[in-house]
PDB file of N, CA and C in Angstrom:
ATOM      1  N   MET A   1     262.348 147.784 118.099  1.00  0.00           N
ATOM      2  CA  MET A   1     261.322 147.342 117.188  1.00  0.00           C
ATOM      3  C   MET A   1     260.278 146.570 117.978  1.00  0.00           C
ATOM      4  N   THR A   2     258.999 146.966 117.818  1.00  0.00           N
ATOM      5  CA  THR A   2     257.941 146.278 118.537  1.00  0.00           C
ATOM      6  C   THR A   2     257.105 145.485 117.542  1.00  0.00           C
ATOM      7  N   THR A   3     256.670 144.352 117.979  1.00  0.00           N
ATOM      8  CA  THR A   3     255.821 143.518 117.126  1.00  0.00           C
ATOM      9  C   THR A   3     254.475 143.355 117.806  1.00  0.00           C
ATOM     10  N   ASP A   4     253.437 143.394 117.011  1.00  0.00           N
ATOM     11  CA  ASP A   4     252.081 143.242 117.532  1.00  0.00           C
ATOM     12  C   ASP A   4     251.723 141.762 117.493  1.00  0.00           C
ATOM     13  N   THR A   5     251.727 141.134 118.646  1.00  0.00           N
ATOM     14  CA  THR A   5     251.456 139.699 118.712  1.00  0.00           C
ATOM     15  C   THR A   5     250.019 139.420 119.112  1.00  0.00           C
ATOM     16  N   ALA A   6     249.225 140.468 119.299  1.00  0.00           N
ATOM     17  CA  ALA A   6     247.834 140.267 119.686  1.00  0.00           C
ATOM     18  C   ALA A   6     247.078 139.634 118.516  1.00  0.00           C
ATOM     19  N   ALA A   7     246.317 138.588 118.820  1.00  0.00           N
ATOM     20  CA  ALA A   7     245.559 137.892 117.790  1.00  0.00           C
ATOM     21  C   ALA A   7     244.395 138.771 117.331  1.00  0.00           C
ATOM     22  N   LYS A   8     244.218 138.854 116.033  1.00  0.00           N
ATOM     23  CA  LYS A   8     243.094 139.603 115.484  1.00  0.00           C
ATOM     24  C   LYS A   8     241.930 138.643 115.297  1.00  0.00           C
ATOM     25  N   ASN A   9     240.744 139.182 115.449  1.00  0.00           N
ATOM     26  CA  ASN A   9     239.541 138.367 115.310  1.00  0.00           C
ATOM     27  C   ASN A   9     238.698 138.852 114.141  1.00  0.00           C
ATOM     28  N   CYS A  10     237.915 137.940 113.583  1.00  0.00           N
ATOM     29  CA  CYS A  10     236.984 138.237 112.492  1.00  0.00           C
ATOM     30  C   CYS A  10     235.994 139.302 112.964  1.00  0.00           C
ATOM     31  N   LEU A  11     235.755 140.303 112.122  1.00  0.00           N
ATOM     32  CA  LEU A  11     234.831 141.387 112.477  1.00  0.00           C
ATOM     33  C   LEU A  11     233.373 140.920 112.576  1.00  0.00           C
ATOM     34  N   THR A  12     233.055 139.781 111.970  1.00  0.00           N
ATOM     35  CA  THR A  12     231.677 139.298 111.989  1.00  0.00           C
ATOM     36  C   THR A  12     231.437 138.287 113.099  1.00  0.00           C
ATOM     37  N   CYS A  13     232.226 137.212 113.107  1.00  0.00           N
ATOM     38  CA  CYS A  13     231.940 136.119 114.040  1.00  0.00           C
ATOM     39  C   CYS A  13     232.869 136.100 115.261  1.00  0.00           C
ATOM     40  N   GLY A  14     233.967 136.833 115.199  1.00  0.00           N
ATOM     41  CA  GLY A  14     234.873 136.912 116.343  1.00  0.00           C
ATOM     42  C   GLY A  14     235.903 135.808 116.421  1.00  0.00           C
ATOM     43  N   LYS A  15     235.935 134.902 115.466  1.00  0.00           N
ATOM     44  CA  LYS A  15     236.933 133.814 115.468  1.00  0.00           C
ATOM     45  C   LYS A  15     238.321 134.391 115.212  1.00  0.00           C
ATOM     46  N   PRO A  16     239.350 133.765 115.807  1.00  0.00           N
ATOM     47  CA  PRO A  16     240.729 134.220 115.547  1.00  0.00           C
ATOM     48  C   PRO A  16     241.075 134.060 114.061  1.00  0.00           C
ATOM     49  N   LEU A  17     241.790 135.040 113.540  1.00  0.00           N
ATOM     50  CA  LEU A  17     242.160 135.020 112.130  1.00  0.00           C
ATOM     51  C   LEU A  17     243.539 134.418 111.937  1.00  0.00           C
ATOM     52  N   LYS A  18     243.697 133.670 110.863  1.00  0.00           N
ATOM     53  CA  LYS A  18     244.985 133.083 110.489  1.00  0.00           C
ATOM     54  C   LYS A  18     245.308 133.564 109.096  1.00  0.00           C
ATOM     55  N   GLY A  19     246.582 133.782 108.831  1.00  0.00           N
ATOM     56  CA  GLY A  19     246.975 134.198 107.491  1.00  0.00           C
ATOM     57  C   GLY A  19     247.520 135.611 107.478  1.00  0.00           C
ATOM     58  N   ARG A  20     247.135 136.369 106.476  1.00  0.00           N
ATOM     59  CA  ARG A  20     247.659 137.713 106.277  1.00  0.00           C
ATOM     60  C   ARG A  20     247.414 138.594 107.490  1.00  0.00           C
ATOM     61  N   THR A  21     248.313 139.530 107.700  1.00  0.00           N
ATOM     62  CA  THR A  21     248.203 140.409 108.868  1.00  0.00           C
ATOM     63  C   THR A  21     247.090 141.447 108.720  1.00  0.00           C
ATOM     64  N   ASP A  22     246.707 141.756 107.478  1.00  0.00           N
ATOM     65  CA  ASP A  22     245.649 142.744 107.271  1.00  0.00           C
ATOM     66  C   ASP A  22     244.269 142.106 107.049  1.00  0.00           C
ATOM     67  N   LYS A  23     244.170 140.829 107.305  1.00  0.00           N
ATOM     68  CA  LYS A  23     242.916 140.102 107.129  1.00  0.00           C
ATOM     69  C   LYS A  23     241.887 140.569 108.157  1.00  0.00           C
ATOM     70  N   LYS A  24     240.623 140.733 107.724  1.00  0.00           N
ATOM     71  CA  LYS A  24     239.567 141.205 108.619  1.00  0.00           C
ATOM     72  C   LYS A  24     238.483 140.160 108.862  1.00  0.00           C
ATOM     73  N   PHE A  25     238.347 139.210 107.942  1.00  0.00           N
ATOM     74  CA  PHE A  25     237.278 138.224 108.021  1.00  0.00           C
ATOM     75  C   PHE A  25     237.850 136.828 107.836  1.00  0.00           C
ATOM     76  N   CYS A  26     237.185 135.854 108.456  1.00  0.00           N
ATOM     77  CA  CYS A  26     237.694 134.481 108.372  1.00  0.00           C
ATOM     78  C   CYS A  26     237.323 133.804 107.052  1.00  0.00           C
ATOM     79  N   ASP A  27     236.232 134.237 106.419  1.00  0.00           N
ATOM     80  CA  ASP A  27     235.832 133.644 105.135  1.00  0.00           C
ATOM     81  C   ASP A  27     234.910 134.596 104.372  1.00  0.00           C
ATOM     82  N   ASP A  28     234.527 134.170 103.172  1.00  0.00           N
ATOM     83  CA  ASP A  28     233.655 135.003 102.325  1.00  0.00           C
ATOM     84  C   ASP A  28     232.273 135.197 102.945  1.00  0.00           C
ATOM     85  N   TYR A  29     231.773 134.187 103.633  1.00  0.00           N
ATOM     86  CA  TYR A  29     230.464 134.275 104.272  1.00  0.00           C
ATOM     87  C   TYR A  29     230.448 135.437 105.272  1.00  0.00           C
ATOM     88  N   CYS A  30     231.469 135.524 106.121  1.00  0.00           N
ATOM     89  CA  CYS A  30     231.542 136.600 107.111  1.00  0.00           C
ATOM     90  C   CYS A  30     231.753 137.954 106.447  1.00  0.00           C
ATOM     91  N   ARG A  31     232.582 138.004 105.411  1.00  0.00           N
ATOM     92  CA  ARG A  31     232.825 139.261 104.702  1.00  0.00           C
ATOM     93  C   ARG A  31     231.532 139.766 104.055  1.00  0.00           C
ATOM     94  N   ASN A  32     230.806 138.875 103.376  1.00  0.00           N
ATOM     95  CA  ASN A  32     229.541 139.261 102.741  1.00  0.00           C
ATOM     96  C   ASN A  32     228.511 139.688 103.780  1.00  0.00           C
ATOM     97  N   GLY A  33     228.425 138.957 104.866  1.00  0.00           N
ATOM     98  CA  GLY A  33     227.477 139.304 105.926  1.00  0.00           C
ATOM     99  C   GLY A  33     227.758 140.673 106.518  1.00  0.00           C
ATOM    100  N   TYR A  34     229.024 140.962 106.741  1.00  0.00           N
ATOM    101  CA  TYR A  34     229.423 142.263 107.296  1.00  0.00           C
ATOM    102  C   TYR A  34     229.035 143.394 106.344  1.00  0.00           C
ATOM    103  N   ASN A  35     229.379 143.246 105.073  1.00  0.00           N
ATOM    104  CA  ASN A  35     229.087 144.297 104.090  1.00  0.00           C
ATOM    105  C   ASN A  35     227.585 144.442 103.844  1.00  0.00           C
ATOM    106  N   ASN A  36     226.852 143.342 103.851  1.00  0.00           N
ATOM    107  CA  ASN A  36     225.397 143.428 103.697  1.00  0.00           C
ATOM    108  C   ASN A  36     224.770 144.162 104.873  1.00  0.00           C
ATOM    109  N   GLN A  37     225.281 143.936 106.063  1.00  0.00           N
ATOM    110  CA  GLN A  37     224.762 144.605 107.252  1.00  0.00           C
ATOM    111  C   GLN A  37     225.017 146.114 107.184  1.00  0.00           C
ATOM    112  N   LEU A  38     226.189 146.494 106.671  1.00  0.00           N
ATOM    113  CA  LEU A  38     226.503 147.921 106.530  1.00  0.00           C
ATOM    114  C   LEU A  38     225.525 148.622 105.581  1.00  0.00           C
ATOM    115  N   LYS A  39     225.119 147.926 104.522  1.00  0.00           N
ATOM    116  CA  LYS A  39     224.252 148.518 103.512  1.00  0.00           C
ATOM    117  C   LYS A  39     222.776 148.259 103.763  1.00  0.00           C
ATOM    118  N   ALA A  40     222.424 147.587 104.826  1.00  0.00           N
ATOM    119  CA  ALA A  40     221.047 147.149 105.061  1.00  0.00           C
ATOM    120  C   ALA A  40     220.064 148.312 105.114  1.00  0.00           C
ATOM    121  N   THR A  41     220.392 149.381 105.793  1.00  0.00           N
ATOM    122  CA  THR A  41     219.436 150.482 105.908  1.00  0.00           C
ATOM    123  C   THR A  41     219.199 151.148 104.557  1.00  0.00           C
ATOM    124  N   ASP A  42     220.255 151.360 103.777  1.00  0.00           N
ATOM    125  CA  ASP A  42     220.098 151.933 102.439  1.00  0.00           C
ATOM    126  C   ASP A  42     219.294 150.991 101.555  1.00  0.00           C
ATOM    127  N   ASN A  43     219.622 149.710 101.595  1.00  0.00           N
ATOM    128  CA  ASN A  43     218.927 148.732 100.765  1.00  0.00           C
ATOM    129  C   ASN A  43     217.461 148.625 101.153  1.00  0.00           C
ATOM    130  N   ASN A  44     217.146 148.676 102.435  1.00  0.00           N
ATOM    131  CA  ASN A  44     215.754 148.589 102.863  1.00  0.00           C
ATOM    132  C   ASN A  44     214.940 149.772 102.360  1.00  0.00           C
ATOM    133  N   TYR A  45     215.519 150.955 102.400  1.00  0.00           N
ATOM    134  CA  TYR A  45     214.827 152.153 101.919  1.00  0.00           C
ATOM    135  C   TYR A  45     214.488 152.014 100.435  1.00  0.00           C
ATOM    136  N   VAL A  46     215.475 151.648  99.648  1.00  0.00           N
ATOM    137  CA  VAL A  46     215.274 151.490  98.203  1.00  0.00           C
ATOM    138  C   VAL A  46     214.306 150.341  97.934  1.00  0.00           C
ATOM    139  N   ARG A  47     214.453 149.242  98.647  1.00  0.00           N
ATOM    140  CA  ARG A  47     213.581 148.085  98.471  1.00  0.00           C
ATOM    141  C   ARG A  47     212.122 148.452  98.760  1.00  0.00           C
ATOM    142  N   ASN A  48     211.876 149.213  99.805  1.00  0.00           N
ATOM    143  CA  ASN A  48     210.509 149.607 100.150  1.00  0.00           C
ATOM    144  C   ASN A  48     209.882 150.496  99.071  1.00  0.00           C
ATOM    145  N   ILE A  49     210.658 151.414  98.534  1.00  0.00           N
ATOM    146  CA  ILE A  49     210.150 152.281  97.467  1.00  0.00           C
ATOM    147  C   ILE A  49     209.874 151.467  96.205  1.00  0.00           C
ATOM    148  N   ASN A  50     210.790 150.574  95.857  1.00  0.00           N
ATOM    149  CA  ASN A  50     210.568 149.731  94.678  1.00  0.00           C
ATOM    150  C   ASN A  50     209.335 148.844  94.847  1.00  0.00           C
ATOM    151  N   ASN A  51     209.128 148.326  96.041  1.00  0.00           N
ATOM    152  CA  ASN A  51     207.930 147.518  96.296  1.00  0.00           C
ATOM    153  C   ASN A  51     206.658 148.344  96.129  1.00  0.00           C
ATOM    154  N   ALA A  52     206.674 149.575  96.616  1.00  0.00           N
ATOM    155  CA  ALA A  52     205.504 150.460  96.473  1.00  0.00           C
ATOM    156  C   ALA A  52     205.244 150.785  95.002  1.00  0.00           C
ATOM    157  N   LEU A  53     206.302 151.037  94.236  1.00  0.00           N
ATOM    158  CA  LEU A  53     206.146 151.317  92.807  1.00  0.00           C
ATOM    159  C   LEU A  53     205.584 150.112  92.062  1.00  0.00           C
ATOM    160  N   ARG A  54     206.095 148.934  92.361  1.00  0.00           N
ATOM    161  CA  ARG A  54     205.593 147.722  91.711  1.00  0.00           C
ATOM    162  C   ARG A  54     204.127 147.466  92.077  1.00  0.00           C
ATOM    163  N   LYS A  55     203.779 147.725  93.324  1.00  0.00           N
ATOM    164  CA  LYS A  55     202.390 147.540  93.740  1.00  0.00           C
ATOM    165  C   LYS A  55     201.480 148.524  93.001  1.00  0.00           C
ATOM    166  N   ASN A  56     201.886 149.784  92.910  1.00  0.00           N
ATOM    167  CA  ASN A  56     201.110 150.776  92.157  1.00  0.00           C
ATOM    168  C   ASN A  56     200.937 150.331  90.702  1.00  0.00           C
ATOM    169  N   ARG A  57     201.996 149.814  90.108  1.00  0.00           N
ATOM    170  CA  ARG A  57     201.935 149.342  88.723  1.00  0.00           C
ATOM    171  C   ARG A  57     200.945 148.195  88.584  1.00  0.00           C
ATOM    172  N   ARG A  58     200.981 147.240  89.511  1.00  0.00           N
ATOM    173  CA  ARG A  58     200.052 146.101  89.471  1.00  0.00           C
ATOM    174  C   ARG A  58     198.599 146.575  89.589  1.00  0.00           C
ATOM    175  N   ILE A  59     198.354 147.554  90.434  1.00  0.00           N
ATOM    176  CA  ILE A  59     196.993 148.086  90.613  1.00  0.00           C
ATOM    177  C   ILE A  59     196.510 148.721  89.313  1.00  0.00           C
ATOM    178  N   LEU A  60     197.339 149.565  88.703  1.00  0.00           N
ATOM    179  CA  LEU A  60     196.955 150.207  87.447  1.00  0.00           C
ATOM    180  C   LEU A  60     196.762 149.174  86.338  1.00  0.00           C
ATOM    181  N   ASP A  61     197.619 148.182  86.300  1.00  0.00           N
ATOM    182  CA  ASP A  61     197.518 147.105  85.308  1.00  0.00           C
ATOM    183  C   ASP A  61     196.201 146.349  85.468  1.00  0.00           C
ATOM    184  N   ALA A  62     195.834 146.056  86.702  1.00  0.00           N
ATOM    185  CA  ALA A  62     194.592 145.306  86.957  1.00  0.00           C
ATOM    186  C   ALA A  62     193.353 146.112  86.582  1.00  0.00           C
ATOM    187  N   LEU A  63     193.402 147.418  86.700  1.00  0.00           N
ATOM    188  CA  LEU A  63     192.245 148.262  86.394  1.00  0.00           C
ATOM    189  C   LEU A  63     192.071 148.539  84.899  1.00  0.00           C
ATOM    190  N   LEU A  64     193.150 148.413  84.148  1.00  0.00           N
ATOM    191  CA  LEU A  64     193.103 148.712  82.712  1.00  0.00           C
ATOM    192  C   LEU A  64     193.057 147.406  81.918  1.00  0.00           C
ATOM    193  N   PRO A  65     191.900 147.090  81.306  1.00  0.00           N
ATOM    194  CA  PRO A  65     191.793 145.846  80.530  1.00  0.00           C
ATOM    195  C   PRO A  65     192.829 145.796  79.406  1.00  0.00           C
ATOM    196  N   GLU A  66     193.254 144.595  79.067  1.00  0.00           N
ATOM    197  CA  GLU A  66     194.307 144.375  78.057  1.00  0.00           C
ATOM    198  C   GLU A  66     193.981 145.028  76.717  1.00  0.00           C
ATOM    199  N   ASN A  67     192.722 144.966  76.301  1.00  0.00           N
ATOM    200  CA  ASN A  67     192.349 145.465  74.979  1.00  0.00           C
ATOM    201  C   ASN A  67     191.929 146.932  74.974  1.00  0.00           C
ATOM    202  N   GLU A  68     192.012 147.606  76.113  1.00  0.00           N
ATOM    203  CA  GLU A  68     191.607 149.019  76.206  1.00  0.00           C
ATOM    204  C   GLU A  68     192.826 149.931  76.218  1.00  0.00           C
ATOM    205  N   GLU A  69     192.649 151.112  75.653  1.00  0.00           N
ATOM    206  CA  GLU A  69     193.709 152.132  75.655  1.00  0.00           C
ATOM    207  C   GLU A  69     193.704 152.939  76.949  1.00  0.00           C
ATOM    208  N   MET A  70     192.481 153.148  77.499  1.00  0.00           N
ATOM    209  CA  MET A  70     192.344 153.941  78.715  1.00  0.00           C
ATOM    210  C   MET A  70     191.044 153.567  79.409  1.00  0.00           C
ATOM    211  N   VAL A  71     190.976 153.895  80.689  1.00  0.00           N
ATOM    212  CA  VAL A  71     189.783 153.618  81.475  1.00  0.00           C
ATOM    213  C   VAL A  71     189.704 154.650  82.591  1.00  0.00           C
ATOM    214  N   LYS A  72     188.489 154.972  83.021  1.00  0.00           N
ATOM    215  CA  LYS A  72     188.308 155.897  84.139  1.00  0.00           C
ATOM    216  C   LYS A  72     188.038 155.106  85.409  1.00  0.00           C
ATOM    217  N   THR A  73     188.513 155.644  86.510  1.00  0.00           N
ATOM    218  CA  THR A  73     188.246 155.056  87.819  1.00  0.00           C
ATOM    219  C   THR A  73     188.209 156.179  88.851  1.00  0.00           C
ATOM    220  N   THR A  74     187.777 155.826  90.040  1.00  0.00           N
ATOM    221  CA  THR A  74     187.678 156.831  91.105  1.00  0.00           C
ATOM    222  C   THR A  74     188.873 156.750  92.046  1.00  0.00           C
ATOM    223  N   LYS A  75     189.089 157.837  92.753  1.00  0.00           N
ATOM    224  CA  LYS A  75     190.149 157.877  93.757  1.00  0.00           C
ATOM    225  C   LYS A  75     189.868 156.860  94.865  1.00  0.00           C
ATOM    226  N   ASP A  76     188.593 156.710  95.237  1.00  0.00           N
ATOM    227  CA  ASP A  76     188.226 155.745  96.278  1.00  0.00           C
ATOM    228  C   ASP A  76     188.613 154.327  95.892  1.00  0.00           C
ATOM    229  N   LYS A  77     188.406 153.971  94.631  1.00  0.00           N
ATOM    230  CA  LYS A  77     188.757 152.621  94.176  1.00  0.00           C
ATOM    231  C   LYS A  77     190.267 152.405  94.252  1.00  0.00           C
ATOM    232  N   LEU A  78     191.028 153.410  93.856  1.00  0.00           N
ATOM    233  CA  LEU A  78     192.492 153.307  93.935  1.00  0.00           C
ATOM    234  C   LEU A  78     192.953 153.196  95.388  1.00  0.00           C
ATOM    235  N   LEU A  79     192.397 154.024  96.247  1.00  0.00           N
ATOM    236  CA  LEU A  79     192.785 153.983  97.658  1.00  0.00           C
ATOM    237  C   LEU A  79     192.372 152.673  98.317  1.00  0.00           C
ATOM    238  N   HIS A  80     191.220 152.133  97.921  1.00  0.00           N
ATOM    239  CA  HIS A  80     190.765 150.850  98.460  1.00  0.00           C
ATOM    240  C   HIS A  80     191.755 149.734  98.123  1.00  0.00           C
ATOM    241  N   LYS A  81     192.372 149.828  96.964  1.00  0.00           N
ATOM    242  CA  LYS A  81     193.380 148.842  96.553  1.00  0.00           C
ATOM    243  C   LYS A  81     194.765 149.182  97.101  1.00  0.00           C
ATOM    244  N   GLU A  82     194.835 150.213  97.951  1.00  0.00           N
ATOM    245  CA  GLU A  82     196.062 150.664  98.622  1.00  0.00           C
ATOM    246  C   GLU A  82     197.075 151.289  97.668  1.00  0.00           C
ATOM    247  N   PHE A  83     196.569 151.989  96.659  1.00  0.00           N
ATOM    248  CA  PHE A  83     197.423 152.754  95.760  1.00  0.00           C
ATOM    249  C   PHE A  83     198.041 153.902  96.542  1.00  0.00           C
ATOM    250  N   GLN A  84     199.352 154.141  96.348  1.00  0.00           N
ATOM    251  CA  GLN A  84     200.053 155.222  97.042  1.00  0.00           C
ATOM    252  C   GLN A  84     200.448 156.292  96.017  1.00  0.00           C
ATOM    253  N   PHE A  85     199.747 157.392  96.055  1.00  0.00           N
ATOM    254  CA  PHE A  85     199.939 158.449  95.061  1.00  0.00           C
ATOM    255  C   PHE A  85     201.313 159.108  95.125  1.00  0.00           C
ATOM    256  N   LYS A  86     201.996 159.018  96.242  1.00  0.00           N
ATOM    257  CA  LYS A  86     203.292 159.695  96.351  1.00  0.00           C
ATOM    258  C   LYS A  86     204.419 158.970  95.616  1.00  0.00           C
ATOM    259  N   TYR A  87     204.179 157.733  95.164  1.00  0.00           N
ATOM    260  CA  TYR A  87     205.223 156.968  94.480  1.00  0.00           C
ATOM    261  C   TYR A  87     204.934 156.882  92.991  1.00  0.00           C
ATOM    262  N   ILE A  88     205.755 157.574  92.201  1.00  0.00           N
ATOM    263  CA  ILE A  88     205.657 157.550  90.745  1.00  0.00           C
ATOM    264  C   ILE A  88     207.064 157.440  90.175  1.00  0.00           C
ATOM    265  N   THR A  89     207.165 156.986  88.929  1.00  0.00           N
ATOM    266  CA  THR A  89     208.475 156.906  88.289  1.00  0.00           C
ATOM    267  C   THR A  89     208.796 158.159  87.476  1.00  0.00           C
ATOM    268  N   HIS A  90     207.762 158.760  86.877  1.00  0.00           N
ATOM    269  CA  HIS A  90     207.986 159.971  86.087  1.00  0.00           C
ATOM    270  C   HIS A  90     206.647 160.640  85.774  1.00  0.00           C
ATOM    271  N   THR A  91     206.726 161.828  85.187  1.00  0.00           N
ATOM    272  CA  THR A  91     205.536 162.547  84.744  1.00  0.00           C
ATOM    273  C   THR A  91     205.652 162.830  83.252  1.00  0.00           C
ATOM    274  N   TYR A  92     204.517 163.113  82.660  1.00  0.00           N
ATOM    275  CA  TYR A  92     204.469 163.483  81.247  1.00  0.00           C
ATOM    276  C   TYR A  92     203.437 164.594  81.087  1.00  0.00           C
ATOM    277  N   VAL A  93     203.831 165.677  80.427  1.00  0.00           N
ATOM    278  CA  VAL A  93     202.916 166.780  80.152  1.00  0.00           C
ATOM    279  C   VAL A  93     202.598 166.756  78.658  1.00  0.00           C
ATOM    280  N   ASN A  94     201.303 166.605  78.337  1.00  0.00           N
ATOM    281  CA  ASN A  94     200.919 166.543  76.922  1.00  0.00           C
ATOM    282  C   ASN A  94     200.810 167.947  76.325  1.00  0.00           C
ATOM    283  N   LYS A  95     200.443 168.015  75.062  1.00  0.00           N
ATOM    284  CA  LYS A  95     200.369 169.307  74.358  1.00  0.00           C
ATOM    285  C   LYS A  95     199.317 170.239  74.951  1.00  0.00           C
ATOM    286  N   LYS A  96     198.297 169.674  75.569  1.00  0.00           N
ATOM    287  CA  LYS A  96     197.244 170.482  76.196  1.00  0.00           C
ATOM    288  C   LYS A  96     197.665 170.998  77.570  1.00  0.00           C
ATOM    289  N   GLY A  97     198.787 170.553  78.059  1.00  0.00           N
ATOM    290  CA  GLY A  97     199.271 170.987  79.366  1.00  0.00           C
ATOM    291  C   GLY A  97     198.834 170.096  80.518  1.00  0.00           C
ATOM    292  N   ASN A  98     198.212 168.946  80.223  1.00  0.00           N
ATOM    293  CA  ASN A  98     197.798 168.002  81.266  1.00  0.00           C
ATOM    294  C   ASN A  98     198.998 167.186  81.734  1.00  0.00           C
ATOM    295  N   THR A  99     199.127 167.013  83.042  1.00  0.00           N
ATOM    296  CA  THR A  99     200.233 166.251  83.604  1.00  0.00           C
ATOM    297  C   THR A  99     199.768 164.842  83.973  1.00  0.00           C
ATOM    298  N   TYR A 100     200.383 163.844  83.336  1.00  0.00           N
ATOM    299  CA  TYR A 100     200.135 162.437  83.637  1.00  0.00           C
ATOM    300  C   TYR A 100     201.222 161.956  84.599  1.00  0.00           C
ATOM    301  N   PHE A 101     200.842 161.167  85.569  1.00  0.00           N
ATOM    302  CA  PHE A 101     201.773 160.595  86.532  1.00  0.00           C
ATOM    303  C   PHE A 101     201.920 159.111  86.217  1.00  0.00           C
ATOM    304  N   PHE A 102     203.167 158.638  86.098  1.00  0.00           N
ATOM    305  CA  PHE A 102     203.402 157.267  85.654  1.00  0.00           C
ATOM    306  C   PHE A 102     204.075 156.411  86.717  1.00  0.00           C
ATOM    307  N   CYS A 103     203.694 155.135  86.699  1.00  0.00           N
ATOM    308  CA  CYS A 103     204.396 154.052  87.385  1.00  0.00           C
ATOM    309  C   CYS A 103     204.818 153.115  86.267  1.00  0.00           C
ATOM    310  N   TYR A 104     206.050 153.292  85.828  1.00  0.00           N
ATOM    311  CA  TYR A 104     206.587 152.567  84.676  1.00  0.00           C
ATOM    312  C   TYR A 104     205.743 152.892  83.443  1.00  0.00           C
ATOM    313  N   GLU A 105     205.109 151.922  82.782  1.00  0.00           N
ATOM    314  CA  GLU A 105     204.371 152.221  81.554  1.00  0.00           C
ATOM    315  C   GLU A 105     202.908 152.571  81.791  1.00  0.00           C
ATOM    316  N   TYR A 106     202.445 152.492  83.032  1.00  0.00           N
ATOM    317  CA  TYR A 106     201.057 152.830  83.359  1.00  0.00           C
ATOM    318  C   TYR A 106     201.000 154.221  83.975  1.00  0.00           C
ATOM    319  N   GLY A 107     200.047 155.012  83.509  1.00  0.00           N
ATOM    320  CA  GLY A 107     199.927 156.365  84.020  1.00  0.00           C
ATOM    321  C   GLY A 107     198.499 156.706  84.374  1.00  0.00           C
ATOM    322  N   TYR A 108     198.358 157.814  85.081  1.00  0.00           N
ATOM    323  CA  TYR A 108     197.026 158.297  85.423  1.00  0.00           C
ATOM    324  C   TYR A 108     197.002 159.817  85.334  1.00  0.00           C
ATOM    325  N   LEU A 109     195.836 160.304  84.955  1.00  0.00           N
ATOM    326  CA  LEU A 109     195.602 161.737  84.845  1.00  0.00           C
ATOM    327  C   LEU A 109     194.477 162.090  85.802  1.00  0.00           C
ATOM    328  N   PRO A 110     194.753 162.959  86.788  1.00  0.00           N
ATOM    329  CA  PRO A 110     193.668 163.390  87.680  1.00  0.00           C
ATOM    330  C   PRO A 110     192.629 164.193  86.901  1.00  0.00           C
ATOM    331  N   LEU A 111     191.363 163.837  87.092  1.00  0.00           N
ATOM    332  CA  LEU A 111     190.246 164.541  86.464  1.00  0.00           C
ATOM    333  C   LEU A 111     189.430 165.227  87.554  1.00  0.00           C
ATOM    334  N   GLU A 112     188.313 165.806  87.182  1.00  0.00           N
ATOM    335  CA  GLU A 112     187.449 166.481  88.160  1.00  0.00           C
ATOM    336  C   GLU A 112     186.723 165.470  89.040  1.00  0.00           C
ATOM    337  N   ASN A 113     186.318 165.928  90.229  1.00  0.00           N
ATOM    338  CA  ASN A 113     185.509 165.152  91.171  1.00  0.00           C
ATOM    339  C   ASN A 113     186.149 163.819  91.565  1.00  0.00           C
ATOM    340  N   ASP A 114     187.455 163.805  91.775  1.00  0.00           N
ATOM    341  CA  ASP A 114     188.201 162.620  92.212  1.00  0.00           C
ATOM    342  C   ASP A 114     188.112 161.443  91.244  1.00  0.00           C
ATOM    343  N   TRP A 115     188.021 161.723  89.964  1.00  0.00           N
ATOM    344  CA  TRP A 115     188.101 160.704  88.928  1.00  0.00           C
ATOM    345  C   TRP A 115     189.505 160.727  88.332  1.00  0.00           C
ATOM    346  N   PHE A 116     189.931 159.574  87.833  1.00  0.00           N
ATOM    347  CA  PHE A 116     191.248 159.435  87.225  1.00  0.00           C
ATOM    348  C   PHE A 116     191.129 158.686  85.910  1.00  0.00           C
ATOM    349  N   LEU A 117     191.894 159.125  84.933  1.00  0.00           N
ATOM    350  CA  LEU A 117     191.999 158.437  83.656  1.00  0.00           C
ATOM    351  C   LEU A 117     193.283 157.618  83.704  1.00  0.00           C
ATOM    352  N   ILE A 118     193.161 156.316  83.532  1.00  0.00           N
ATOM    353  CA  ILE A 118     194.327 155.428  83.550  1.00  0.00           C
ATOM    354  C   ILE A 118     194.690 155.095  82.112  1.00  0.00           C
ATOM    355  N   VAL A 119     195.975 155.193  81.795  1.00  0.00           N
ATOM    356  CA  VAL A 119     196.466 154.929  80.441  1.00  0.00           C
ATOM    357  C   VAL A 119     197.670 153.992  80.497  1.00  0.00           C
ATOM    358  N   ARG A 120     197.948 153.373  79.361  1.00  0.00           N
ATOM    359  CA  ARG A 120     199.131 152.524  79.218  1.00  0.00           C
ATOM    360  C   ARG A 120     199.975 153.093  78.085  1.00  0.00           C
ATOM    361  N   ARG A 121     201.222 153.309  78.344  1.00  0.00           N
ATOM    362  CA  ARG A 121     202.119 153.841  77.308  1.00  0.00           C
ATOM    363  C   ARG A 121     202.616 152.669  76.469  1.00  0.00           C
ATOM    364  N   ARG A 122     202.411 152.758  75.202  1.00  0.00           N
ATOM    365  CA  ARG A 122     202.831 151.711  74.268  1.00  0.00           C
ATOM    366  C   ARG A 122     204.254 151.973  73.794  1.00  0.00           C
ATOM    367  N   GLU A 123     204.988 150.875  73.563  1.00  0.00           N
ATOM    368  CA  GLU A 123     206.329 150.996  73.001  1.00  0.00           C
ATOM    369  C   GLU A 123     206.218 151.409  71.542  1.00  0.00           C
ATOM    370  N   ASN A 124     207.057 152.335  71.123  1.00  0.00           N
ATOM    371  CA  ASN A 124     207.023 152.800  69.726  1.00  0.00           C
ATOM    372  C   ASN A 124     207.873 151.952  68.851  1.00  0.00           C
TER     373      ASN A 124
END
């Protein structure tokens, strides 16, 4: 019968572990840090997309006055405010076949000559 007498160390900080034989971390801080590091790349990707969506929403919100149902703006104005057209939450096709692109409750409809109609979807 062989026994493993080699001391195990914490996977995060490297300190010797005391206690259970299957223990991997010296405390919750090290365990959380290790798991957060494993998920960091996935979390950063999602975080960056969510930040872009929120920024697009803020831009559309700022362009559409509170008391208005819709407003027209140009593509240049949107791009100047750093609007990113590739980030949307969903689309909506109306009865006429027009496709609106939405960032949460704010949407836009591409019109002719680089004009856009900005709308706000109201809760029913």
